[in-house]
Every structure is written in C-alpha cells, then in structure tokens.
Amino acid sequence: MLKSNYDPVGKSEPHSGVDVEHSTDKGKPGGDPGFTVRVRSMDRKWLILGAVAGVVLIGVIVAVIVVFVTQAGDSSSAEESPLSRSGIRPEKCLLQPEPGMCRAYFEKYHYDPATDSCLTFVYGGCDGNENRFDSLEECERICLAGNKGVAPSKTKNEPSGPADVKVDDNTKKV
C-alpha cells in the first residue's frame, strides 16, 4: 500500500490534514477496491465544529422565519378587530376616555364598557389615550365586533358637517 498526502485540487501539501492511502491490491479478489481517505483528529474537530455551526445556523434561520410569519399573521390588518380574532376585547377599549392637555375641540368616539357602546367625547388634540376613534364605525368595529346580540351604539349625535374647533377662544371650522 502506498501512502501519500493528496489534495484533490492538485496541490500537494504535506500537512493538509487528509491522508489518502492508495491500494495496490485494486482489482484482486478480497483486495481494496480503490483508496481510503482518513481524516486526522485535528481535522475531525473542525469537521464537527463546522457541522454544529451549520445546524445552529439552520436553527437561527428557521427561528427568524417563524418570527416573521407570526408577526405578519398578527398584523395582517391593523384595522381588523382584535376582538373578532381572539374573542377578547382589546385593552384600549377598556381605558377611560382622556381629552388630553390641549384645548382644541375635536369630537371623537370612545368605547364605554358600562353601557357596552361607543359614545362621543371632546378630545383636546394632544395626549389622551388609545380609546379614541375618529368615527362611530371604527369604534364599533374594533371594540364591539364579534359581540352577537349587542345593539349598535346608543349615541345618535354623529357630526353631520365640519366640526367646530376651539383654540384659545377662537372658533374655527375644520
């Protein structure tokens, strides 16, 4: 049997880490059918490390894909009612309406858990909280959707024209 260092690219490197044994018994009955590749122990460590790194990389890629798919499913439509998806009313619908610190006059809607309806309130134009909707339909879609048997909002005073906005004793049409 001949022993040599073999590089498949054609470069002979005496310390390449791969030993190739060429068999002179090729073709003889019971002989070695070709050549055998043996990897030295140092190279085995690198092979194992490479395999582990590959598995970890695949795991990270799968985790990232799962996160993106999950987030895409959760935010498929920001306007879709979370109530209709989960059967639970969103937390923002349970907050008390807050007019905010500013002194403008915007007629907005909020969900009132006590009456299980959407009611109007005056929003000052800044601060406040998330229980504030521009229209009755938006409030009902987000906070009442999926509640079978719940009557539409008890308020009938939707703005029919431009809202009056009061800023520092000046009333302006919006």
N, C-alpha and C. Protein backbone atom coordinates (compact mmCIF):
# COMPACT_ATOMS: atom_id res chain seq x y z
N MET A 1 0.83 -1.16 0.00
CA MET A 1 0.00 0.00 0.00
C MET A 1 0.88 1.24 0.00
N LEU A 2 0.55 2.19 -0.85
CA LEU A 2 1.30 3.43 -0.90
C LEU A 2 0.58 4.46 -0.06
N LYS A 3 1.30 5.28 0.64
CA LYS A 3 0.69 6.31 1.48
C LYS A 3 1.15 7.66 0.96
N SER A 4 0.20 8.58 0.77
CA SER A 4 0.60 9.91 0.29
C SER A 4 -0.39 10.96 0.78
N ASN A 5 0.06 12.19 0.78
CA ASN A 5 -0.86 13.30 1.03
C ASN A 5 -1.45 13.68 -0.31
N TYR A 6 -2.76 13.82 -0.36
CA TYR A 6 -3.41 14.07 -1.63
C TYR A 6 -4.34 15.27 -1.50
N ASP A 7 -4.22 16.18 -2.43
CA ASP A 7 -5.11 17.34 -2.48
C ASP A 7 -5.89 17.23 -3.78
N PRO A 8 -7.22 17.13 -3.74
CA PRO A 8 -7.99 16.93 -4.95
C PRO A 8 -7.84 18.05 -5.96
N VAL A 9 -7.38 19.23 -5.55
CA VAL A 9 -7.20 20.34 -6.48
C VAL A 9 -5.90 20.16 -7.25
N GLY A 10 -5.05 19.30 -6.79
CA GLY A 10 -3.81 19.05 -7.49
C GLY A 10 -2.59 19.63 -6.80
N LYS A 11 -2.78 20.28 -5.71
CA LYS A 11 -1.67 20.85 -4.95
C LYS A 11 -1.26 19.83 -3.90
N SER A 12 -0.02 19.61 -3.79
CA SER A 12 0.45 18.67 -2.79
C SER A 12 0.90 19.44 -1.57
N GLU A 13 0.19 19.24 -0.48
CA GLU A 13 0.56 19.89 0.77
C GLU A 13 0.87 18.80 1.78
N PRO A 14 2.08 18.79 2.30
CA PRO A 14 2.45 17.72 3.20
C PRO A 14 1.64 17.71 4.49
N HIS A 15 1.08 18.83 4.92
CA HIS A 15 0.34 18.88 6.18
C HIS A 15 -1.10 19.32 5.94
N SER A 16 -1.72 18.79 4.92
CA SER A 16 -3.08 19.20 4.58
C SER A 16 -4.12 18.65 5.54
N GLY A 17 -3.76 17.62 6.31
CA GLY A 17 -4.71 17.07 7.25
C GLY A 17 -5.50 15.91 6.71
N VAL A 18 -5.32 15.58 5.43
CA VAL A 18 -6.04 14.46 4.84
C VAL A 18 -5.01 13.47 4.33
N ASP A 19 -5.07 12.25 4.80
CA ASP A 19 -4.20 11.19 4.32
C ASP A 19 -5.00 10.31 3.38
N VAL A 20 -4.43 10.03 2.23
CA VAL A 20 -5.08 9.16 1.26
C VAL A 20 -4.19 7.95 1.06
N GLU A 21 -4.75 6.80 1.25
CA GLU A 21 -4.00 5.57 1.03
C GLU A 21 -4.42 4.98 -0.30
N HIS A 22 -3.46 4.84 -1.21
CA HIS A 22 -3.74 4.21 -2.50
C HIS A 22 -3.47 2.72 -2.35
N SER A 23 -4.39 1.93 -2.81
CA SER A 23 -4.24 0.48 -2.67
C SER A 23 -3.59 -0.10 -3.92
N THR A 24 -2.62 -0.96 -3.69
CA THR A 24 -2.02 -1.69 -4.81
C THR A 24 -2.75 -3.00 -5.05
N ASP A 25 -3.71 -3.28 -4.18
CA ASP A 25 -4.47 -4.53 -4.29
C ASP A 25 -5.74 -4.34 -5.10
N LYS A 26 -5.86 -3.24 -5.81
CA LYS A 26 -7.08 -2.92 -6.54
C LYS A 26 -7.36 -3.99 -7.59
N GLY A 27 -8.55 -4.47 -7.59
CA GLY A 27 -8.97 -5.44 -8.58
C GLY A 27 -8.68 -6.88 -8.20
N LYS A 28 -7.94 -7.14 -7.15
CA LYS A 28 -7.66 -8.51 -6.73
C LYS A 28 -8.82 -9.00 -5.86
N PRO A 29 -9.12 -10.28 -5.92
CA PRO A 29 -10.19 -10.80 -5.06
C PRO A 29 -9.85 -10.58 -3.60
N GLY A 30 -10.81 -9.96 -2.88
CA GLY A 30 -10.61 -9.66 -1.46
C GLY A 30 -9.71 -8.47 -1.24
N GLY A 31 -9.31 -7.81 -2.29
CA GLY A 31 -8.42 -6.65 -2.17
C GLY A 31 -9.20 -5.36 -1.97
N ASP A 32 -8.47 -4.29 -1.69
CA ASP A 32 -9.06 -2.96 -1.51
C ASP A 32 -9.53 -2.46 -2.87
N PRO A 33 -10.80 -2.01 -3.00
CA PRO A 33 -11.32 -1.62 -4.30
C PRO A 33 -10.82 -0.26 -4.78
N GLY A 34 -10.04 0.45 -4.05
CA GLY A 34 -9.63 1.78 -4.51
C GLY A 34 -8.73 2.45 -3.52
N PHE A 35 -9.18 3.55 -2.99
CA PHE A 35 -8.37 4.25 -2.00
C PHE A 35 -9.23 4.62 -0.80
N THR A 36 -8.60 4.89 0.31
CA THR A 36 -9.28 5.20 1.56
C THR A 36 -8.84 6.58 2.02
N VAL A 37 -9.79 7.39 2.44
CA VAL A 37 -9.46 8.72 2.95
C VAL A 37 -9.57 8.68 4.45
N ARG A 38 -8.53 9.11 5.12
CA ARG A 38 -8.54 9.18 6.58
C ARG A 38 -8.32 10.63 6.98
N VAL A 39 -9.12 11.09 7.91
CA VAL A 39 -9.02 12.46 8.39
C VAL A 39 -8.36 12.43 9.75
N ARG A 40 -7.36 13.26 9.92
CA ARG A 40 -6.66 13.31 11.20
C ARG A 40 -7.57 13.89 12.28
N SER A 41 -7.23 13.64 13.55
CA SER A 41 -8.08 14.03 14.67
C SER A 41 -8.29 15.54 14.75
N MET A 42 -7.30 16.33 14.43
CA MET A 42 -7.46 17.79 14.48
C MET A 42 -8.51 18.23 13.47
N ASP A 43 -8.49 17.60 12.30
CA ASP A 43 -9.47 17.95 11.29
C ASP A 43 -10.86 17.45 11.67
N ARG A 44 -10.95 16.37 12.40
CA ARG A 44 -12.25 15.89 12.87
C ARG A 44 -12.91 16.93 13.76
N LYS A 45 -12.11 17.57 14.60
CA LYS A 45 -12.66 18.62 15.47
C LYS A 45 -13.25 19.75 14.64
N TRP A 46 -12.53 20.13 13.57
CA TRP A 46 -13.05 21.21 12.72
C TRP A 46 -14.28 20.75 11.95
N LEU A 47 -14.30 19.50 11.54
CA LEU A 47 -15.49 18.99 10.85
C LEU A 47 -16.70 18.99 11.77
N ILE A 48 -16.49 18.56 13.00
CA ILE A 48 -17.58 18.55 13.98
C ILE A 48 -18.03 19.98 14.27
N LEU A 49 -17.06 20.87 14.46
CA LEU A 49 -17.41 22.28 14.71
C LEU A 49 -18.18 22.87 13.54
N GLY A 50 -17.76 22.56 12.32
CA GLY A 50 -18.47 23.04 11.14
C GLY A 50 -19.88 22.50 11.06
N ALA A 51 -20.04 21.22 11.39
CA ALA A 51 -21.37 20.62 11.37
C ALA A 51 -22.28 21.25 12.42
N VAL A 52 -21.74 21.46 13.62
CA VAL A 52 -22.52 22.10 14.68
C VAL A 52 -22.89 23.52 14.28
N ALA A 53 -21.93 24.26 13.71
CA ALA A 53 -22.22 25.63 13.27
C ALA A 53 -23.30 25.63 12.19
N GLY A 54 -23.26 24.66 11.30
CA GLY A 54 -24.29 24.57 10.27
C GLY A 54 -25.66 24.32 10.85
N VAL A 55 -25.74 23.43 11.83
CA VAL A 55 -27.01 23.14 12.48
C VAL A 55 -27.54 24.37 13.21
N VAL A 56 -26.64 25.07 13.91
CA VAL A 56 -27.05 26.29 14.62
C VAL A 56 -27.54 27.34 13.63
N LEU A 57 -26.83 27.50 12.52
CA LEU A 57 -27.24 28.48 11.51
C LEU A 57 -28.62 28.14 10.96
N ILE A 58 -28.86 26.89 10.68
CA ILE A 58 -30.18 26.48 10.19
C ILE A 58 -31.25 26.76 11.24
N GLY A 59 -30.95 26.50 12.51
CA GLY A 59 -31.90 26.79 13.59
C GLY A 59 -32.22 28.26 13.68
N VAL A 60 -31.21 29.11 13.54
CA VAL A 60 -31.43 30.56 13.59
C VAL A 60 -32.29 31.01 12.42
N ILE A 61 -32.01 30.49 11.24
CA ILE A 61 -32.80 30.86 10.06
C ILE A 61 -34.26 30.44 10.24
N VAL A 62 -34.49 29.25 10.73
CA VAL A 62 -35.86 28.78 10.97
C VAL A 62 -36.55 29.66 12.01
N ALA A 63 -35.84 30.02 13.08
CA ALA A 63 -36.43 30.87 14.13
C ALA A 63 -36.81 32.23 13.56
N VAL A 64 -35.96 32.82 12.74
CA VAL A 64 -36.26 34.13 12.14
C VAL A 64 -37.48 34.03 11.24
N ILE A 65 -37.56 32.98 10.46
CA ILE A 65 -38.72 32.80 9.57
C ILE A 65 -39.99 32.65 10.39
N VAL A 66 -39.94 31.88 11.46
CA VAL A 66 -41.12 31.70 12.33
C VAL A 66 -41.56 33.03 12.92
N VAL A 67 -40.60 33.84 13.39
CA VAL A 67 -40.94 35.14 13.97
C VAL A 67 -41.60 36.03 12.93
N PHE A 68 -41.04 36.10 11.71
CA PHE A 68 -41.63 36.95 10.68
C PHE A 68 -43.02 36.48 10.28
N VAL A 69 -43.21 35.18 10.15
CA VAL A 69 -44.52 34.65 9.78
C VAL A 69 -45.53 34.94 10.89
N THR A 70 -45.12 34.77 12.14
CA THR A 70 -46.01 35.03 13.27
C THR A 70 -46.39 36.50 13.33
N GLN A 71 -45.43 37.39 13.16
CA GLN A 71 -45.72 38.83 13.20
C GLN A 71 -46.59 39.23 12.02
N ALA A 72 -46.34 38.68 10.86
CA ALA A 72 -47.15 39.01 9.69
C ALA A 72 -48.59 38.57 9.91
N GLY A 73 -48.80 37.43 10.55
CA GLY A 73 -50.15 36.96 10.84
C GLY A 73 -50.84 37.82 11.87
N ASP A 74 -50.09 38.30 12.87
CA ASP A 74 -50.68 39.13 13.91
C ASP A 74 -51.05 40.51 13.39
N SER A 75 -50.28 41.06 12.47
CA SER A 75 -50.53 42.42 12.00
C SER A 75 -51.05 42.41 10.57
N SER A 76 -51.82 41.39 10.22
CA SER A 76 -52.32 41.28 8.86
C SER A 76 -53.19 42.48 8.51
N SER A 77 -53.91 43.00 9.47
CA SER A 77 -54.70 44.20 9.26
C SER A 77 -54.83 44.92 10.58
N ALA A 78 -54.22 46.09 10.65
CA ALA A 78 -54.26 46.85 11.90
C ALA A 78 -55.69 47.27 12.22
N GLU A 79 -56.52 47.43 11.20
CA GLU A 79 -57.88 47.87 11.42
C GLU A 79 -58.83 46.70 11.69
N GLU A 80 -58.38 45.48 11.44
CA GLU A 80 -59.23 44.33 11.73
C GLU A 80 -59.44 44.26 13.23
N SER A 81 -60.61 43.90 13.62
CA SER A 81 -60.92 43.87 15.04
C SER A 81 -60.16 42.77 15.75
N PRO A 82 -59.36 43.11 16.76
CA PRO A 82 -58.71 42.07 17.55
C PRO A 82 -59.75 41.22 18.28
N LEU A 83 -60.91 41.81 18.56
CA LEU A 83 -61.98 41.09 19.24
C LEU A 83 -62.47 39.93 18.38
N SER A 84 -62.62 40.18 17.09
CA SER A 84 -63.12 39.13 16.21
C SER A 84 -62.10 38.00 16.06
N ARG A 85 -60.80 38.29 16.19
CA ARG A 85 -59.78 37.26 16.08
C ARG A 85 -59.66 36.45 17.36
N SER A 86 -59.69 37.10 18.51
CA SER A 86 -59.40 36.40 19.76
C SER A 86 -60.61 36.20 20.65
N GLY A 87 -61.70 36.92 20.41
CA GLY A 87 -62.86 36.82 21.27
C GLY A 87 -62.73 37.64 22.54
N ILE A 88 -61.65 38.38 22.68
CA ILE A 88 -61.42 39.21 23.87
C ILE A 88 -61.34 40.66 23.42
N ARG A 89 -62.00 41.54 24.17
CA ARG A 89 -62.00 42.96 23.84
C ARG A 89 -60.59 43.54 24.04
N PRO A 90 -60.09 44.34 23.10
CA PRO A 90 -58.76 44.95 23.26
C PRO A 90 -58.69 45.82 24.51
N GLU A 91 -57.52 45.85 25.12
CA GLU A 91 -57.34 46.63 26.35
C GLU A 91 -57.64 48.10 26.14
N LYS A 92 -57.29 48.64 24.95
CA LYS A 92 -57.52 50.07 24.73
C LYS A 92 -58.99 50.43 24.82
N CYS A 93 -59.88 49.47 24.56
CA CYS A 93 -61.31 49.75 24.64
C CYS A 93 -61.78 49.89 26.09
N LEU A 94 -61.00 49.39 27.03
CA LEU A 94 -61.40 49.44 28.44
C LEU A 94 -60.85 50.66 29.17
N LEU A 95 -60.05 51.47 28.48
CA LEU A 95 -59.50 52.68 29.11
C LEU A 95 -60.57 53.76 29.21
N GLN A 96 -60.46 54.59 30.24
CA GLN A 96 -61.35 55.74 30.37
C GLN A 96 -60.98 56.77 29.30
N PRO A 97 -61.96 57.47 28.71
CA PRO A 97 -61.60 58.47 27.70
C PRO A 97 -60.80 59.61 28.33
N GLU A 98 -59.76 60.05 27.65
CA GLU A 98 -58.95 61.17 28.14
C GLU A 98 -58.94 62.27 27.09
N PRO A 99 -59.39 63.47 27.44
CA PRO A 99 -59.41 64.56 26.47
C PRO A 99 -58.02 65.09 26.13
N GLY A 100 -57.03 64.84 26.99
CA GLY A 100 -55.68 65.34 26.74
C GLY A 100 -55.48 66.74 27.30
N MET A 101 -54.24 67.23 27.19
CA MET A 101 -53.87 68.51 27.79
C MET A 101 -54.18 69.72 26.92
N CYS A 102 -54.31 69.53 25.62
CA CYS A 102 -54.53 70.67 24.72
C CYS A 102 -55.98 71.14 24.79
N ARG A 103 -56.23 72.35 24.26
CA ARG A 103 -57.55 72.95 24.42
C ARG A 103 -58.34 73.05 23.11
N ALA A 104 -58.00 72.24 22.13
CA ALA A 104 -58.79 72.23 20.90
C ALA A 104 -60.10 71.50 21.17
N TYR A 105 -60.98 71.45 20.19
CA TYR A 105 -62.27 70.81 20.37
C TYR A 105 -62.50 69.88 19.18
N PHE A 106 -62.21 68.59 19.39
CA PHE A 106 -62.46 67.59 18.37
C PHE A 106 -63.45 66.58 18.94
N GLU A 107 -64.52 66.35 18.22
CA GLU A 107 -65.48 65.36 18.66
C GLU A 107 -65.00 63.99 18.21
N LYS A 108 -64.75 63.13 19.17
CA LYS A 108 -64.24 61.78 18.91
C LYS A 108 -65.16 60.77 19.59
N TYR A 109 -64.87 59.50 19.38
CA TYR A 109 -65.65 58.42 19.97
C TYR A 109 -64.77 57.56 20.86
N HIS A 110 -65.38 57.03 21.92
CA HIS A 110 -64.69 56.09 22.80
C HIS A 110 -65.65 54.97 23.15
N TYR A 111 -65.09 53.82 23.50
CA TYR A 111 -65.93 52.71 23.93
C TYR A 111 -66.16 52.84 25.42
N ASP A 112 -67.43 52.71 25.84
CA ASP A 112 -67.80 52.78 27.25
C ASP A 112 -68.24 51.39 27.70
N PRO A 113 -67.42 50.70 28.52
CA PRO A 113 -67.78 49.35 28.95
C PRO A 113 -69.05 49.30 29.79
N ALA A 114 -69.37 50.38 30.50
CA ALA A 114 -70.56 50.39 31.36
C ALA A 114 -71.84 50.28 30.53
N THR A 115 -71.87 50.93 29.37
CA THR A 115 -73.05 50.89 28.51
C THR A 115 -72.87 49.95 27.32
N ASP A 116 -71.67 49.37 27.20
CA ASP A 116 -71.32 48.49 26.08
C ASP A 116 -71.65 49.16 24.75
N SER A 117 -71.21 50.42 24.64
CA SER A 117 -71.48 51.16 23.41
C SER A 117 -70.37 52.18 23.17
N CYS A 118 -70.39 52.76 21.99
CA CYS A 118 -69.44 53.81 21.64
C CYS A 118 -70.12 55.16 21.80
N LEU A 119 -69.49 56.04 22.55
CA LEU A 119 -70.06 57.36 22.85
C LEU A 119 -69.10 58.45 22.38
N THR A 120 -69.64 59.67 22.26
CA THR A 120 -68.80 60.80 21.86
C THR A 120 -68.15 61.43 23.09
N PHE A 121 -67.02 62.08 22.86
CA PHE A 121 -66.37 62.90 23.88
C PHE A 121 -65.54 63.95 23.17
N VAL A 122 -65.13 64.97 23.90
CA VAL A 122 -64.33 66.06 23.33
C VAL A 122 -62.86 65.76 23.57
N TYR A 123 -62.11 65.72 22.47
CA TYR A 123 -60.66 65.49 22.52
C TYR A 123 -59.96 66.82 22.27
N GLY A 124 -58.98 67.14 23.11
CA GLY A 124 -58.28 68.41 23.02
C GLY A 124 -57.22 68.50 21.94
N GLY A 125 -56.85 67.40 21.32
CA GLY A 125 -55.90 67.46 20.21
C GLY A 125 -54.52 66.90 20.51
N CYS A 126 -54.21 66.62 21.76
CA CYS A 126 -52.91 66.02 22.08
C CYS A 126 -53.04 65.17 23.34
N ASP A 127 -52.07 64.30 23.53
CA ASP A 127 -52.04 63.36 24.65
C ASP A 127 -53.27 62.45 24.58
N GLY A 128 -53.93 62.21 25.67
CA GLY A 128 -55.05 61.28 25.69
C GLY A 128 -54.55 59.85 25.70
N ASN A 129 -55.42 58.91 25.31
CA ASN A 129 -55.02 57.51 25.24
C ASN A 129 -55.59 56.87 23.98
N GLU A 130 -55.46 55.57 23.87
CA GLU A 130 -55.84 54.87 22.64
C GLU A 130 -57.34 54.62 22.52
N ASN A 131 -58.12 54.84 23.57
CA ASN A 131 -59.57 54.67 23.48
C ASN A 131 -60.15 55.94 22.87
N ARG A 132 -59.77 56.19 21.62
CA ARG A 132 -60.20 57.39 20.90
C ARG A 132 -60.29 57.02 19.42
N PHE A 133 -61.46 57.20 18.85
CA PHE A 133 -61.70 56.80 17.47
C PHE A 133 -62.28 57.97 16.69
N ASP A 134 -61.93 58.06 15.41
CA ASP A 134 -62.40 59.16 14.57
C ASP A 134 -63.86 59.00 14.16
N SER A 135 -64.35 57.76 14.11
CA SER A 135 -65.74 57.57 13.69
C SER A 135 -66.42 56.52 14.57
N LEU A 136 -67.72 56.56 14.57
CA LEU A 136 -68.52 55.60 15.31
C LEU A 136 -68.28 54.19 14.76
N GLU A 137 -68.20 54.08 13.43
CA GLU A 137 -67.98 52.78 12.80
C GLU A 137 -66.66 52.16 13.23
N GLU A 138 -65.61 52.97 13.28
CA GLU A 138 -64.29 52.47 13.69
C GLU A 138 -64.33 51.96 15.13
N CYS A 139 -64.96 52.72 16.01
CA CYS A 139 -65.07 52.33 17.42
C CYS A 139 -65.83 51.02 17.54
N GLU A 140 -66.96 50.90 16.85
CA GLU A 140 -67.76 49.69 16.93
C GLU A 140 -67.05 48.49 16.30
N ARG A 141 -66.34 48.72 15.21
CA ARG A 141 -65.63 47.62 14.54
C ARG A 141 -64.54 47.05 15.44
N ILE A 142 -63.83 47.92 16.16
CA ILE A 142 -62.72 47.45 16.98
C ILE A 142 -63.18 46.97 18.35
N CYS A 143 -64.11 47.67 18.97
CA CYS A 143 -64.49 47.34 20.35
C CYS A 143 -65.76 46.51 20.48
N LEU A 144 -66.62 46.51 19.47
CA LEU A 144 -67.87 45.76 19.56
C LEU A 144 -67.95 44.59 18.61
N ALA A 145 -67.06 44.49 17.65
CA ALA A 145 -67.13 43.44 16.63
C ALA A 145 -67.12 42.07 17.28
N GLY A 146 -67.96 41.19 16.78
CA GLY A 146 -68.00 39.83 17.28
C GLY A 146 -68.92 39.63 18.46
N ASN A 147 -69.45 40.70 19.04
CA ASN A 147 -70.40 40.57 20.15
C ASN A 147 -71.78 40.37 19.56
N LYS A 148 -72.24 39.15 19.52
CA LYS A 148 -73.57 38.89 18.97
C LYS A 148 -74.62 39.39 19.95
N GLY A 149 -75.65 40.02 19.42
CA GLY A 149 -76.73 40.50 20.25
C GLY A 149 -76.48 41.86 20.86
N VAL A 150 -75.34 42.45 20.60
CA VAL A 150 -75.07 43.78 21.14
C VAL A 150 -75.67 44.80 20.20
N ALA A 151 -76.48 45.68 20.74
CA ALA A 151 -77.13 46.70 19.93
C ALA A 151 -76.10 47.71 19.46
N PRO A 152 -76.36 48.38 18.34
CA PRO A 152 -75.44 49.43 17.90
C PRO A 152 -75.34 50.51 18.97
N SER A 153 -74.40 51.37 18.81
CA SER A 153 -74.14 52.43 19.78
C SER A 153 -75.40 53.20 20.10
N LYS A 154 -75.55 53.57 21.36
CA LYS A 154 -76.74 54.28 21.80
C LYS A 154 -76.69 55.77 21.45
N THR A 155 -75.53 56.24 21.01
CA THR A 155 -75.41 57.65 20.67
C THR A 155 -75.83 57.87 19.22
N LYS A 156 -76.56 58.91 18.97
CA LYS A 156 -77.00 59.23 17.62
C LYS A 156 -76.43 60.57 17.18
N ASN A 157 -75.55 61.17 17.97
CA ASN A 157 -75.07 62.51 17.66
C ASN A 157 -73.73 62.46 16.92
N GLU A 158 -73.74 61.83 15.73
CA GLU A 158 -72.56 61.86 14.89
C GLU A 158 -72.47 63.24 14.27
N PRO A 159 -71.28 63.74 14.08
CA PRO A 159 -71.17 65.05 13.44
C PRO A 159 -71.65 64.95 11.99
N SER A 160 -72.50 65.88 11.59
CA SER A 160 -73.04 65.84 10.24
C SER A 160 -72.28 66.75 9.30
N GLY A 161 -71.53 67.69 9.82
CA GLY A 161 -70.77 68.61 8.99
C GLY A 161 -69.40 68.82 9.57
N PRO A 162 -68.74 69.90 9.18
CA PRO A 162 -67.41 70.17 9.74
C PRO A 162 -67.50 70.41 11.25
N ALA A 163 -66.53 69.91 11.97
CA ALA A 163 -66.52 70.07 13.42
C ALA A 163 -65.99 71.45 13.77
N ASP A 164 -66.55 72.02 14.83
CA ASP A 164 -66.02 73.28 15.34
C ASP A 164 -64.80 72.97 16.18
N VAL A 165 -63.73 73.71 15.96
CA VAL A 165 -62.51 73.53 16.73
C VAL A 165 -62.27 74.82 17.49
N LYS A 166 -62.17 74.69 18.81
CA LYS A 166 -61.97 75.88 19.63
C LYS A 166 -60.51 75.91 20.08
N VAL A 167 -59.80 76.93 19.67
CA VAL A 167 -58.40 77.10 20.04
C VAL A 167 -58.25 78.50 20.64
N ASP A 168 -57.97 78.55 21.94
CA ASP A 168 -57.76 79.83 22.64
C ASP A 168 -58.87 80.84 22.33
N ASP A 169 -60.09 80.53 22.61
CA ASP A 169 -61.25 81.40 22.44
C ASP A 169 -61.55 81.74 20.98
N ASN A 170 -60.89 81.15 20.01
CA ASN A 170 -61.19 81.35 18.59
C ASN A 170 -61.82 80.06 18.07
N THR A 171 -62.98 80.19 17.45
CA THR A 171 -63.65 79.02 16.91
C THR A 171 -63.39 78.98 15.41
N LYS A 172 -62.90 77.84 14.94
CA LYS A 172 -62.59 77.69 13.53
C LYS A 172 -63.32 76.47 13.00
N LYS A 173 -63.67 76.51 11.72
CA LYS A 173 -64.27 75.35 11.05
C LYS A 173 -63.13 74.50 10.49
N VAL A 174 -63.26 73.18 10.66
CA VAL A 174 -62.24 72.27 10.14
C VAL A 174 -62.79 71.57 8.93
